[in-house]
Amino acid sequence: TVYLRLNSLKPEDTGIYYCAAGRTLDLAENLYDYWGQGTQV
């Protein structure tokens, strides 16, 4: 399990949040191979 704690939330944080698995220390989404279906915040 990986967790993401969201504090001091703002309206602009609204969206669908996805986790993804990859092999590279980067936030480019094309570097991630597996994706969840998301959870709404």
PDB file of all heavy atoms in Angstrom:
ATOM      1  N   THR A   1       0.818  -1.199   0.000  1.00  0.00           N
ATOM      2  CA  THR A   1       0.000   0.000   0.000  1.00  0.00           C
ATOM      3  C   THR A   1       0.860   1.261   0.000  1.00  0.00           C
ATOM      4  O   THR A   1       1.865   1.336   0.704  1.00  0.00           O
ATOM      5  CB  THR A   1      -0.926   0.025   1.225  1.00  0.00           C
ATOM      6  OG1 THR A   1      -1.756  -1.144   1.216  1.00  0.00           O
ATOM      7  CG2 THR A   1      -1.816   1.258   1.213  1.00  0.00           C
ATOM      8  N   VAL A   2       0.433   2.234  -0.784  1.00  0.00           N
ATOM      9  CA  VAL A   2       0.975   3.587  -0.756  1.00  0.00           C
ATOM     10  C   VAL A   2      -0.134   4.527  -0.307  1.00  0.00           C
ATOM     11  O   VAL A   2      -1.290   4.365  -0.713  1.00  0.00           O
ATOM     12  CB  VAL A   2       1.534   3.999  -2.128  1.00  0.00           C
ATOM     13  CG1 VAL A   2       1.836   5.494  -2.170  1.00  0.00           C
ATOM     14  CG2 VAL A   2       2.799   3.218  -2.436  1.00  0.00           C
ATOM     15  N   TYR A   3       0.223   5.495   0.511  1.00  0.00           N
ATOM     16  CA  TYR A   3      -0.728   6.458   1.031  1.00  0.00           C
ATOM     17  C   TYR A   3      -0.388   7.857   0.544  1.00  0.00           C
ATOM     18  O   TYR A   3       0.772   8.186   0.303  1.00  0.00           O
ATOM     19  CB  TYR A   3      -0.711   6.466   2.560  1.00  0.00           C
ATOM     20  CG  TYR A   3      -0.954   5.120   3.184  1.00  0.00           C
ATOM     21  CD1 TYR A   3       0.105   4.318   3.586  1.00  0.00           C
ATOM     22  CD2 TYR A   3      -2.249   4.645   3.374  1.00  0.00           C
ATOM     23  CE1 TYR A   3      -0.109   3.079   4.160  1.00  0.00           C
ATOM     24  CE2 TYR A   3      -2.477   3.409   3.947  1.00  0.00           C
ATOM     25  CZ  TYR A   3      -1.408   2.628   4.339  1.00  0.00           C
ATOM     26  OH  TYR A   3      -1.632   1.397   4.912  1.00  0.00           O
ATOM     27  N   LEU A   4      -1.408   8.673   0.437  1.00  0.00           N
ATOM     28  CA  LEU A   4      -1.226  10.090   0.193  1.00  0.00           C
ATOM     29  C   LEU A   4      -2.104  10.856   1.172  1.00  0.00           C
ATOM     30  O   LEU A   4      -3.332  10.756   1.112  1.00  0.00           O
ATOM     31  CB  LEU A   4      -1.585  10.463  -1.249  1.00  0.00           C
ATOM     32  CG  LEU A   4      -1.272  11.910  -1.640  1.00  0.00           C
ATOM     33  CD1 LEU A   4       0.236  12.139  -1.704  1.00  0.00           C
ATOM     34  CD2 LEU A   4      -1.916  12.264  -2.979  1.00  0.00           C
ATOM     35  N   ARG A   5      -1.461  11.576   2.078  1.00  0.00           N
ATOM     36  CA  ARG A   5      -2.170  12.400   3.038  1.00  0.00           C
ATOM     37  C   ARG A   5      -2.344  13.793   2.456  1.00  0.00           C
ATOM     38  O   ARG A   5      -1.361  14.432   2.084  1.00  0.00           O
ATOM     39  CB  ARG A   5      -1.403  12.472   4.356  1.00  0.00           C
ATOM     40  CG  ARG A   5      -2.071  13.305   5.439  1.00  0.00           C
ATOM     41  CD  ARG A   5      -3.316  12.635   5.953  1.00  0.00           C
ATOM     42  NE  ARG A   5      -3.936  13.394   7.029  1.00  0.00           N
ATOM     43  CZ  ARG A   5      -5.058  13.052   7.640  1.00  0.00           C
ATOM     44  NH1 ARG A   5      -5.688  11.942   7.284  1.00  0.00           N
ATOM     45  NH2 ARG A   5      -5.549  13.805   8.605  1.00  0.00           N
ATOM     46  N   LEU A   6      -3.578  14.235   2.375  1.00  0.00           N
ATOM     47  CA  LEU A   6      -3.925  15.528   1.806  1.00  0.00           C
ATOM     48  C   LEU A   6      -4.367  16.445   2.939  1.00  0.00           C
ATOM     49  O   LEU A   6      -5.427  16.234   3.528  1.00  0.00           O
ATOM     50  CB  LEU A   6      -5.050  15.408   0.781  1.00  0.00           C
ATOM     51  CG  LEU A   6      -4.782  14.735  -0.576  1.00  0.00           C
ATOM     52  CD1 LEU A   6      -4.394  13.274  -0.433  1.00  0.00           C
ATOM     53  CD2 LEU A   6      -6.025  14.849  -1.457  1.00  0.00           C
ATOM     54  N   ASN A   7      -3.564  17.444   3.246  1.00  0.00           N
ATOM     55  CA  ASN A   7      -3.882  18.421   4.277  1.00  0.00           C
ATOM     56  C   ASN A   7      -4.139  19.786   3.661  1.00  0.00           C
ATOM     57  O   ASN A   7      -3.743  20.060   2.534  1.00  0.00           O
ATOM     58  CB  ASN A   7      -2.740  18.536   5.289  1.00  0.00           C
ATOM     59  CG  ASN A   7      -2.578  17.319   6.153  1.00  0.00           C
ATOM     60  OD1 ASN A   7      -3.529  16.591   6.421  1.00  0.00           O
ATOM     61  ND2 ASN A   7      -1.355  17.089   6.623  1.00  0.00           N
ATOM     62  N   SER A   8      -4.782  20.644   4.429  1.00  0.00           N
ATOM     63  CA  SER A   8      -5.035  22.023   4.019  1.00  0.00           C
ATOM     64  C   SER A   8      -5.639  22.084   2.627  1.00  0.00           C
ATOM     65  O   SER A   8      -5.203  22.847   1.762  1.00  0.00           O
ATOM     66  CB  SER A   8      -3.736  22.835   4.081  1.00  0.00           C
ATOM     67  OG  SER A   8      -3.180  22.810   5.378  1.00  0.00           O
ATOM     68  N   LEU A   9      -6.658  21.296   2.416  1.00  0.00           N
ATOM     69  CA  LEU A   9      -7.230  21.158   1.085  1.00  0.00           C
ATOM     70  C   LEU A   9      -7.899  22.437   0.611  1.00  0.00           C
ATOM     71  O   LEU A   9      -8.506  23.171   1.396  1.00  0.00           O
ATOM     72  CB  LEU A   9      -8.220  20.003   1.056  1.00  0.00           C
ATOM     73  CG  LEU A   9      -7.547  18.628   1.005  1.00  0.00           C
ATOM     74  CD1 LEU A   9      -8.522  17.533   1.401  1.00  0.00           C
ATOM     75  CD2 LEU A   9      -7.000  18.365  -0.393  1.00  0.00           C
ATOM     76  N   LYS A  10      -7.769  22.673  -0.680  1.00  0.00           N
ATOM     77  CA  LYS A  10      -8.327  23.830  -1.346  1.00  0.00           C
ATOM     78  C   LYS A  10      -9.312  23.379  -2.415  1.00  0.00           C
ATOM     79  O   LYS A  10      -9.206  22.257  -2.918  1.00  0.00           O
ATOM     80  CB  LYS A  10      -7.211  24.647  -2.011  1.00  0.00           C
ATOM     81  CG  LYS A  10      -6.074  25.046  -1.089  1.00  0.00           C
ATOM     82  CD  LYS A  10      -4.942  25.687  -1.873  1.00  0.00           C
ATOM     83  CE  LYS A  10      -3.784  26.058  -0.977  1.00  0.00           C
ATOM     84  NZ  LYS A  10      -2.664  26.654  -1.763  1.00  0.00           N
ATOM     85  N   PRO A  11     -10.249  24.231  -2.798  1.00  0.00           N
ATOM     86  CA  PRO A  11     -11.170  23.847  -3.870  1.00  0.00           C
ATOM     87  C   PRO A  11     -10.466  23.407  -5.143  1.00  0.00           C
ATOM     88  O   PRO A  11     -10.959  22.501  -5.833  1.00  0.00           O
ATOM     89  CB  PRO A  11     -12.002  25.114  -4.092  1.00  0.00           C
ATOM     90  CG  PRO A  11     -12.004  25.781  -2.755  1.00  0.00           C
ATOM     91  CD  PRO A  11     -10.630  25.524  -2.186  1.00  0.00           C
ATOM     92  N   GLU A  12      -9.331  24.005  -5.463  1.00  0.00           N
ATOM     93  CA  GLU A  12      -8.610  23.627  -6.665  1.00  0.00           C
ATOM     94  C   GLU A  12      -7.962  22.249  -6.582  1.00  0.00           C
ATOM     95  O   GLU A  12      -7.428  21.762  -7.582  1.00  0.00           O
ATOM     96  CB  GLU A  12      -7.556  24.686  -7.031  1.00  0.00           C
ATOM     97  CG  GLU A  12      -6.625  25.047  -5.897  1.00  0.00           C
ATOM     98  CD  GLU A  12      -7.040  26.311  -5.161  1.00  0.00           C
ATOM     99  OE1 GLU A  12      -8.245  26.463  -4.870  1.00  0.00           O
ATOM    100  OE2 GLU A  12      -6.162  27.155  -4.875  1.00  0.00           O
ATOM    101  N   ASP A  13      -7.994  21.617  -5.423  1.00  0.00           N
ATOM    102  CA  ASP A  13      -7.538  20.244  -5.294  1.00  0.00           C
ATOM    103  C   ASP A  13      -8.587  19.235  -5.750  1.00  0.00           C
ATOM    104  O   ASP A  13      -8.301  18.033  -5.798  1.00  0.00           O
ATOM    105  CB  ASP A  13      -7.158  19.931  -3.847  1.00  0.00           C
ATOM    106  CG  ASP A  13      -5.948  20.717  -3.366  1.00  0.00           C
ATOM    107  OD1 ASP A  13      -4.974  20.852  -4.133  1.00  0.00           O
ATOM    108  OD2 ASP A  13      -5.976  21.183  -2.210  1.00  0.00           O
ATOM    109  N   THR A  14      -9.768  19.692  -6.067  1.00  0.00           N
ATOM    110  CA  THR A  14     -10.840  18.808  -6.508  1.00  0.00           C
ATOM    111  C   THR A  14     -10.456  18.078  -7.786  1.00  0.00           C
ATOM    112  O   THR A  14      -9.912  18.673  -8.722  1.00  0.00           O
ATOM    113  CB  THR A  14     -12.126  19.608  -6.724  1.00  0.00           C
ATOM    114  OG1 THR A  14     -12.590  20.106  -5.464  1.00  0.00           O
ATOM    115  CG2 THR A  14     -13.215  18.745  -7.344  1.00  0.00           C
ATOM    116  N   GLY A  15     -10.731  16.794  -7.837  1.00  0.00           N
ATOM    117  CA  GLY A  15     -10.468  16.011  -9.027  1.00  0.00           C
ATOM    118  C   GLY A  15     -10.460  14.533  -8.717  1.00  0.00           C
ATOM    119  O   GLY A  15     -10.698  14.108  -7.584  1.00  0.00           O
ATOM    120  N   ILE A  16     -10.176  13.755  -9.736  1.00  0.00           N
ATOM    121  CA  ILE A  16     -10.003  12.326  -9.568  1.00  0.00           C
ATOM    122  C   ILE A  16      -8.525  12.054  -9.331  1.00  0.00           C
ATOM    123  O   ILE A  16      -7.676  12.490 -10.114  1.00  0.00           O
ATOM    124  CB  ILE A  16     -10.498  11.546 -10.795  1.00  0.00           C
ATOM    125  CG1 ILE A  16     -11.970  11.861 -11.071  1.00  0.00           C
ATOM    126  CG2 ILE A  16     -10.319  10.053 -10.582  1.00  0.00           C
ATOM    127  CD1 ILE A  16     -12.494  11.246 -12.349  1.00  0.00           C
ATOM    128  N   TYR A  17      -8.220  11.330  -8.273  1.00  0.00           N
ATOM    129  CA  TYR A  17      -6.848  11.020  -7.897  1.00  0.00           C
ATOM    130  C   TYR A  17      -6.530   9.584  -8.263  1.00  0.00           C
ATOM    131  O   TYR A  17      -7.252   8.656  -7.905  1.00  0.00           O
ATOM    132  CB  TYR A  17      -6.651  11.252  -6.401  1.00  0.00           C
ATOM    133  CG  TYR A  17      -6.520  12.714  -6.052  1.00  0.00           C
ATOM    134  CD1 TYR A  17      -7.596  13.577  -6.195  1.00  0.00           C
ATOM    135  CD2 TYR A  17      -5.311  13.234  -5.594  1.00  0.00           C
ATOM    136  CE1 TYR A  17      -7.476  14.922  -5.903  1.00  0.00           C
ATOM    137  CE2 TYR A  17      -5.183  14.576  -5.289  1.00  0.00           C
ATOM    138  CZ  TYR A  17      -6.273  15.415  -5.445  1.00  0.00           C
ATOM    139  OH  TYR A  17      -6.141  16.751  -5.141  1.00  0.00           O
ATOM    140  N   TYR A  18      -5.429   9.409  -8.981  1.00  0.00           N
ATOM    141  CA  TYR A  18      -4.991   8.110  -9.463  1.00  0.00           C
ATOM    142  C   TYR A  18      -3.621   7.764  -8.889  1.00  0.00           C
ATOM    143  O   TYR A  18      -2.758   8.635  -8.769  1.00  0.00           O
ATOM    144  CB  TYR A  18      -4.838   8.107 -10.986  1.00  0.00           C
ATOM    145  CG  TYR A  18      -6.068   8.461 -11.770  1.00  0.00           C
ATOM    146  CD1 TYR A  18      -6.378   9.780 -12.060  1.00  0.00           C
ATOM    147  CD2 TYR A  18      -6.909   7.466 -12.250  1.00  0.00           C
ATOM    148  CE1 TYR A  18      -7.498  10.109 -12.798  1.00  0.00           C
ATOM    149  CE2 TYR A  18      -8.026   7.783 -12.992  1.00  0.00           C
ATOM    150  CZ  TYR A  18      -8.319   9.104 -13.264  1.00  0.00           C
ATOM    151  OH  TYR A  18      -9.436   9.417 -14.011  1.00  0.00           O
ATOM    152  N   CYS A  19      -3.408   6.512  -8.579  1.00  0.00           N
ATOM    153  CA  CYS A  19      -2.056   6.036  -8.345  1.00  0.00           C
ATOM    154  C   CYS A  19      -1.594   5.231  -9.546  1.00  0.00           C
ATOM    155  O   CYS A  19      -2.401   4.693 -10.313  1.00  0.00           O
ATOM    156  CB  CYS A  19      -1.936   5.214  -7.056  1.00  0.00           C
ATOM    157  SG  CYS A  19      -2.857   3.658  -7.011  1.00  0.00           S
ATOM    158  N   ALA A  20      -0.282   5.182  -9.728  1.00  0.00           N
ATOM    159  CA  ALA A  20       0.305   4.503 -10.870  1.00  0.00           C
ATOM    160  C   ALA A  20       1.657   3.934 -10.474  1.00  0.00           C
ATOM    161  O   ALA A  20       2.329   4.464  -9.587  1.00  0.00           O
ATOM    162  CB  ALA A  20       0.453   5.463 -12.050  1.00  0.00           C
ATOM    163  N   ALA A  21       2.071   2.873 -11.152  1.00  0.00           N
ATOM    164  CA  ALA A  21       3.332   2.187 -10.870  1.00  0.00           C
ATOM    165  C   ALA A  21       4.253   2.265 -12.075  1.00  0.00           C
ATOM    166  O   ALA A  21       3.820   2.058 -13.210  1.00  0.00           O
ATOM    167  CB  ALA A  21       3.078   0.738 -10.490  1.00  0.00           C
ATOM    168  N   GLY A  22       5.523   2.537 -11.812  1.00  0.00           N
ATOM    169  CA  GLY A  22       6.519   2.603 -12.861  1.00  0.00           C
ATOM    170  C   GLY A  22       7.892   2.262 -12.342  1.00  0.00           C
ATOM    171  O   GLY A  22       8.046   1.729 -11.237  1.00  0.00           O
ATOM    172  N   ARG A  23       8.905   2.600 -13.134  1.00  0.00           N
ATOM    173  CA  ARG A  23      10.283   2.247 -12.796  1.00  0.00           C
ATOM    174  C   ARG A  23      11.207   3.444 -12.709  1.00  0.00           C
ATOM    175  O   ARG A  23      12.403   3.279 -12.489  1.00  0.00           O
ATOM    176  CB  ARG A  23      10.835   1.279 -13.843  1.00  0.00           C
ATOM    177  CG  ARG A  23      10.066  -0.032 -13.970  1.00  0.00           C
ATOM    178  CD  ARG A  23      10.321  -0.939 -12.799  1.00  0.00           C
ATOM    179  NE  ARG A  23       9.812  -2.283 -13.044  1.00  0.00           N
ATOM    180  CZ  ARG A  23       9.926  -3.290 -12.213  1.00  0.00           C
ATOM    181  NH1 ARG A  23      10.554  -3.122 -11.051  1.00  0.00           N
ATOM    182  NH2 ARG A  23       9.430  -4.472 -12.519  1.00  0.00           N
ATOM    183  N   THR A  24      10.670   4.648 -12.857  1.00  0.00           N
ATOM    184  CA  THR A  24      11.484   5.843 -12.950  1.00  0.00           C
ATOM    185  C   THR A  24      11.052   6.883 -11.928  1.00  0.00           C
ATOM    186  O   THR A  24       9.851   7.059 -11.691  1.00  0.00           O
ATOM    187  CB  THR A  24      11.386   6.445 -14.368  1.00  0.00           C
ATOM    188  OG1 THR A  24      11.725   5.449 -15.333  1.00  0.00           O
ATOM    189  CG2 THR A  24      12.330   7.619 -14.521  1.00  0.00           C
ATOM    190  N   LEU A  25      12.015   7.577 -11.348  1.00  0.00           N
ATOM    191  CA  LEU A  25      11.737   8.628 -10.378  1.00  0.00           C
ATOM    192  C   LEU A  25      11.416   9.919 -11.127  1.00  0.00           C
ATOM    193  O   LEU A  25      12.262  10.805 -11.298  1.00  0.00           O
ATOM    194  CB  LEU A  25      12.928   8.823  -9.435  1.00  0.00           C
ATOM    195  CG  LEU A  25      13.237   7.633  -8.527  1.00  0.00           C
ATOM    196  CD1 LEU A  25      14.549   7.849  -7.796  1.00  0.00           C
ATOM    197  CD2 LEU A  25      12.105   7.411  -7.533  1.00  0.00           C
ATOM    198  N   ASP A  26      10.188  10.002 -11.564  1.00  0.00           N
ATOM    199  CA  ASP A  26       9.736  11.110 -12.388  1.00  0.00           C
ATOM    200  C   ASP A  26       8.219  11.171 -12.321  1.00  0.00           C
ATOM    201  O   ASP A  26       7.571  10.172 -11.978  1.00  0.00           O
ATOM    202  CB  ASP A  26      10.203  10.901 -13.841  1.00  0.00           C
ATOM    203  CG  ASP A  26      10.235  12.179 -14.640  1.00  0.00           C
ATOM    204  OD1 ASP A  26       9.149  12.685 -14.995  1.00  0.00           O
ATOM    205  OD2 ASP A  26      11.346  12.672 -14.925  1.00  0.00           O
ATOM    206  N   LEU A  27       7.658  12.320 -12.660  1.00  0.00           N
ATOM    207  CA  LEU A  27       6.209  12.484 -12.654  1.00  0.00           C
ATOM    208  C   LEU A  27       5.603  12.554 -14.057  1.00  0.00           C
ATOM    209  O   LEU A  27       4.422  12.880 -14.196  1.00  0.00           O
ATOM    210  CB  LEU A  27       5.809  13.728 -11.867  1.00  0.00           C
ATOM    211  CG  LEU A  27       5.777  13.546 -10.348  1.00  0.00           C
ATOM    212  CD1 LEU A  27       5.508  14.870  -9.655  1.00  0.00           C
ATOM    213  CD2 LEU A  27       4.736  12.512  -9.948  1.00  0.00           C
ATOM    214  N   ALA A  28       6.382  12.240 -15.071  1.00  0.00           N
ATOM    215  CA  ALA A  28       5.828  12.151 -16.418  1.00  0.00           C
ATOM    216  C   ALA A  28       4.964  10.903 -16.520  1.00  0.00           C
ATOM    217  O   ALA A  28       5.437   9.793 -16.302  1.00  0.00           O
ATOM    218  CB  ALA A  28       6.946  12.119 -17.451  1.00  0.00           C
ATOM    219  N   GLU A  29       3.709  11.086 -16.878  1.00  0.00           N
ATOM    220  CA  GLU A  29       2.785   9.964 -16.807  1.00  0.00           C
ATOM    221  C   GLU A  29       3.090   8.857 -17.805  1.00  0.00           C
ATOM    222  O   GLU A  29       2.707   7.705 -17.582  1.00  0.00           O
ATOM    223  CB  GLU A  29       1.335  10.421 -16.950  1.00  0.00           C
ATOM    224  CG  GLU A  29       0.951  11.013 -18.278  1.00  0.00           C
ATOM    225  CD  GLU A  29      -0.520  11.388 -18.279  1.00  0.00           C
ATOM    226  OE1 GLU A  29      -0.872  12.364 -17.580  1.00  0.00           O
ATOM    227  OE2 GLU A  29      -1.314  10.710 -18.955  1.00  0.00           O
ATOM    228  N   ASN A  30       3.810   9.174 -18.883  1.00  0.00           N
ATOM    229  CA  ASN A  30       4.157   8.132 -19.843  1.00  0.00           C
ATOM    230  C   ASN A  30       5.216   7.169 -19.317  1.00  0.00           C
ATOM    231  O   ASN A  30       5.509   6.162 -19.966  1.00  0.00           O
ATOM    232  CB  ASN A  30       4.607   8.740 -21.174  1.00  0.00           C
ATOM    233  CG  ASN A  30       5.869   9.565 -21.071  1.00  0.00           C
ATOM    234  OD1 ASN A  30       6.336   9.890 -19.984  1.00  0.00           O
ATOM    235  ND2 ASN A  30       6.440   9.912 -22.218  1.00  0.00           N
ATOM    236  N   LEU A  31       5.784   7.446 -18.161  1.00  0.00           N
ATOM    237  CA  LEU A  31       6.755   6.563 -17.536  1.00  0.00           C
ATOM    238  C   LEU A  31       6.116   5.561 -16.579  1.00  0.00           C
ATOM    239  O   LEU A  31       6.826   4.747 -15.991  1.00  0.00           O
ATOM    240  CB  LEU A  31       7.803   7.380 -16.789  1.00  0.00           C
ATOM    241  CG  LEU A  31       8.643   8.323 -17.667  1.00  0.00           C
ATOM    242  CD1 LEU A  31       9.554   9.173 -16.806  1.00  0.00           C
ATOM    243  CD2 LEU A  31       9.453   7.538 -18.687  1.00  0.00           C
ATOM    244  N   TYR A  32       4.821   5.618 -16.433  1.00  0.00           N
ATOM    245  CA  TYR A  32       4.099   4.719 -15.539  1.00  0.00           C
ATOM    246  C   TYR A  32       3.325   3.684 -16.347  1.00  0.00           C
ATOM    247  O   TYR A  32       2.634   4.024 -17.308  1.00  0.00           O
ATOM    248  CB  TYR A  32       3.176   5.514 -14.617  1.00  0.00           C
ATOM    249  CG  TYR A  32       3.964   6.292 -13.599  1.00  0.00           C
ATOM    250  CD1 TYR A  32       4.538   7.508 -13.924  1.00  0.00           C
ATOM    251  CD2 TYR A  32       4.160   5.791 -12.317  1.00  0.00           C
ATOM    252  CE1 TYR A  32       5.297   8.208 -12.991  1.00  0.00           C
ATOM    253  CE2 TYR A  32       4.907   6.479 -11.381  1.00  0.00           C
ATOM    254  CZ  TYR A  32       5.477   7.688 -11.724  1.00  0.00           C
ATOM    255  OH  TYR A  32       6.224   8.379 -10.800  1.00  0.00           O
ATOM    256  N   ASP A  33       3.447   2.439 -15.930  1.00  0.00           N
ATOM    257  CA  ASP A  33       2.931   1.320 -16.710  1.00  0.00           C
ATOM    258  C   ASP A  33       1.566   0.823 -16.255  1.00  0.00           C
ATOM    259  O   ASP A  33       0.819   0.251 -17.061  1.00  0.00           O
ATOM    260  CB  ASP A  33       3.920   0.155 -16.649  1.00  0.00           C
ATOM    261  CG  ASP A  33       5.282   0.529 -17.203  1.00  0.00           C
ATOM    262  OD1 ASP A  33       5.340   1.078 -18.317  1.00  0.00           O
ATOM    263  OD2 ASP A  33       6.296   0.268 -16.520  1.00  0.00           O
ATOM    264  N   TYR A  34       1.248   0.991 -14.996  1.00  0.00           N
ATOM    265  CA  TYR A  34       0.010   0.470 -14.437  1.00  0.00           C
ATOM    266  C   TYR A  34      -0.716   1.574 -13.697  1.00  0.00           C
ATOM    267  O   TYR A  34      -0.097   2.358 -12.973  1.00  0.00           O
ATOM    268  CB  TYR A  34       0.291  -0.699 -13.485  1.00  0.00           C
ATOM    269  CG  TYR A  34       1.076  -1.812 -14.127  1.00  0.00           C
ATOM    270  CD1 TYR A  34       2.438  -1.938 -13.905  1.00  0.00           C
ATOM    271  CD2 TYR A  34       0.454  -2.730 -14.964  1.00  0.00           C
ATOM    272  CE1 TYR A  34       3.159  -2.952 -14.500  1.00  0.00           C
ATOM    273  CE2 TYR A  34       1.175  -3.743 -15.565  1.00  0.00           C
ATOM    274  CZ  TYR A  34       2.528  -3.850 -15.328  1.00  0.00           C
ATOM    275  OH  TYR A  34       3.244  -4.854 -15.922  1.00  0.00           O
ATOM    276  N   TRP A  35      -2.029   1.599 -13.864  1.00  0.00           N
ATOM    277  CA  TRP A  35      -2.861   2.655 -13.305  1.00  0.00           C
ATOM    278  C   TRP A  35      -4.080   2.095 -12.605  1.00  0.00           C
ATOM    279  O   TRP A  35      -4.671   1.112 -13.049  1.00  0.00           O
ATOM    280  CB  TRP A  35      -3.331   3.599 -14.420  1.00  0.00           C
ATOM    281  CG  TRP A  35      -2.219   4.386 -15.031  1.00  0.00           C
ATOM    282  CD1 TRP A  35      -1.319   3.956 -15.966  1.00  0.00           C
ATOM    283  CD2 TRP A  35      -1.895   5.750 -14.750  1.00  0.00           C
ATOM    284  NE1 TRP A  35      -0.442   4.970 -16.281  1.00  0.00           N
ATOM    285  CE2 TRP A  35      -0.775   6.075 -15.555  1.00  0.00           C
ATOM    286  CE3 TRP A  35      -2.438   6.717 -13.910  1.00  0.00           C
ATOM    287  CZ2 TRP A  35      -0.197   7.347 -15.531  1.00  0.00           C
ATOM    288  CZ3 TRP A  35      -1.865   7.978 -13.885  1.00  0.00           C
ATOM    289  CH2 TRP A  35      -0.755   8.272 -14.698  1.00  0.00           C
ATOM    290  N   GLY A  36      -4.466   2.753 -11.519  1.00  0.00           N
ATOM    291  CA  GLY A  36      -5.736   2.463 -10.899  1.00  0.00           C
ATOM    292  C   GLY A  36      -6.865   3.203 -11.584  1.00  0.00           C
ATOM    293  O   GLY A  36      -6.662   3.975 -12.527  1.00  0.00           O
ATOM    294  N   GLN A  37      -8.079   2.971 -11.104  1.00  0.00           N
ATOM    295  CA  GLN A  37      -9.261   3.593 -11.699  1.00  0.00           C
ATOM    296  C   GLN A  37      -9.585   4.955 -11.115  1.00  0.00           C
ATOM    297  O   GLN A  37     -10.409   5.675 -11.661  1.00  0.00           O
ATOM    298  CB  GLN A  37     -10.467   2.665 -11.553  1.00  0.00           C
ATOM    299  CG  GLN A  37     -10.352   1.390 -12.376  1.00  0.00           C
ATOM    300  CD  GLN A  37     -11.599   0.544 -12.316  1.00  0.00           C
ATOM    301  OE1 GLN A  37     -12.441   0.705 -11.428  1.00  0.00           O
ATOM    302  NE2 GLN A  37     -11.729  -0.368 -13.263  1.00  0.00           N
ATOM    303  N   GLY A  38      -8.948   5.323 -10.019  1.00  0.00           N
ATOM    304  CA  GLY A  38      -9.118   6.641  -9.449  1.00  0.00           C
ATOM    305  C   GLY A  38     -10.123   6.693  -8.317  1.00  0.00           C
ATOM    306  O   GLY A  38     -11.004   5.846  -8.189  1.00  0.00           O
ATOM    307  N   THR A  39      -9.980   7.726  -7.491  1.00  0.00           N
ATOM    308  CA  THR A  39     -10.920   8.008  -6.421  1.00  0.00           C
ATOM    309  C   THR A  39     -11.204   9.508  -6.420  1.00  0.00           C
ATOM    310  O   THR A  39     -10.296  10.321  -6.574  1.00  0.00           O
ATOM    311  CB  THR A  39     -10.384   7.520  -5.055  1.00  0.00           C
ATOM    312  OG1 THR A  39     -11.372   7.710  -4.042  1.00  0.00           O
ATOM    313  CG2 THR A  39      -9.107   8.242  -4.658  1.00  0.00           C
ATOM    314  N   GLN A  40     -12.456   9.875  -6.255  1.00  0.00           N
ATOM    315  CA  GLN A  40     -12.881  11.262  -6.372  1.00  0.00           C
ATOM    316  C   GLN A  40     -12.626  12.017  -5.082  1.00  0.00           C
ATOM    317  O   GLN A  40     -13.018  11.574  -3.994  1.00  0.00           O
ATOM    318  CB  GLN A  40     -14.369  11.330  -6.724  1.00  0.00           C
ATOM    319  CG  GLN A  40     -14.933  12.744  -6.790  1.00  0.00           C
ATOM    320  CD  GLN A  40     -14.448  13.521  -7.987  1.00  0.00           C
ATOM    321  OE1 GLN A  40     -14.415  12.983  -9.098  1.00  0.00           O
ATOM    322  NE2 GLN A  40     -14.064  14.776  -7.771  1.00  0.00           N
ATOM    323  N   VAL A  41     -11.987  13.178  -5.202  1.00  0.00           N
ATOM    324  CA  VAL A  41     -11.812  14.117  -4.097  1.00  0.00           C
ATOM    325  C   VAL A  41     -12.533  15.405  -4.468  1.00  0.00           C
ATOM    326  O   VAL A  41     -12.267  15.992  -5.520  1.00  0.00           O
ATOM    327  CB  VAL A  41     -10.326  14.404  -3.825  1.00  0.00           C
ATOM    328  CG1 VAL A  41     -10.163  15.537  -2.811  1.00  0.00           C
ATOM    329  CG2 VAL A  41      -9.625  13.144  -3.337  1.00  0.00           C
TER     330      VAL A  41
END
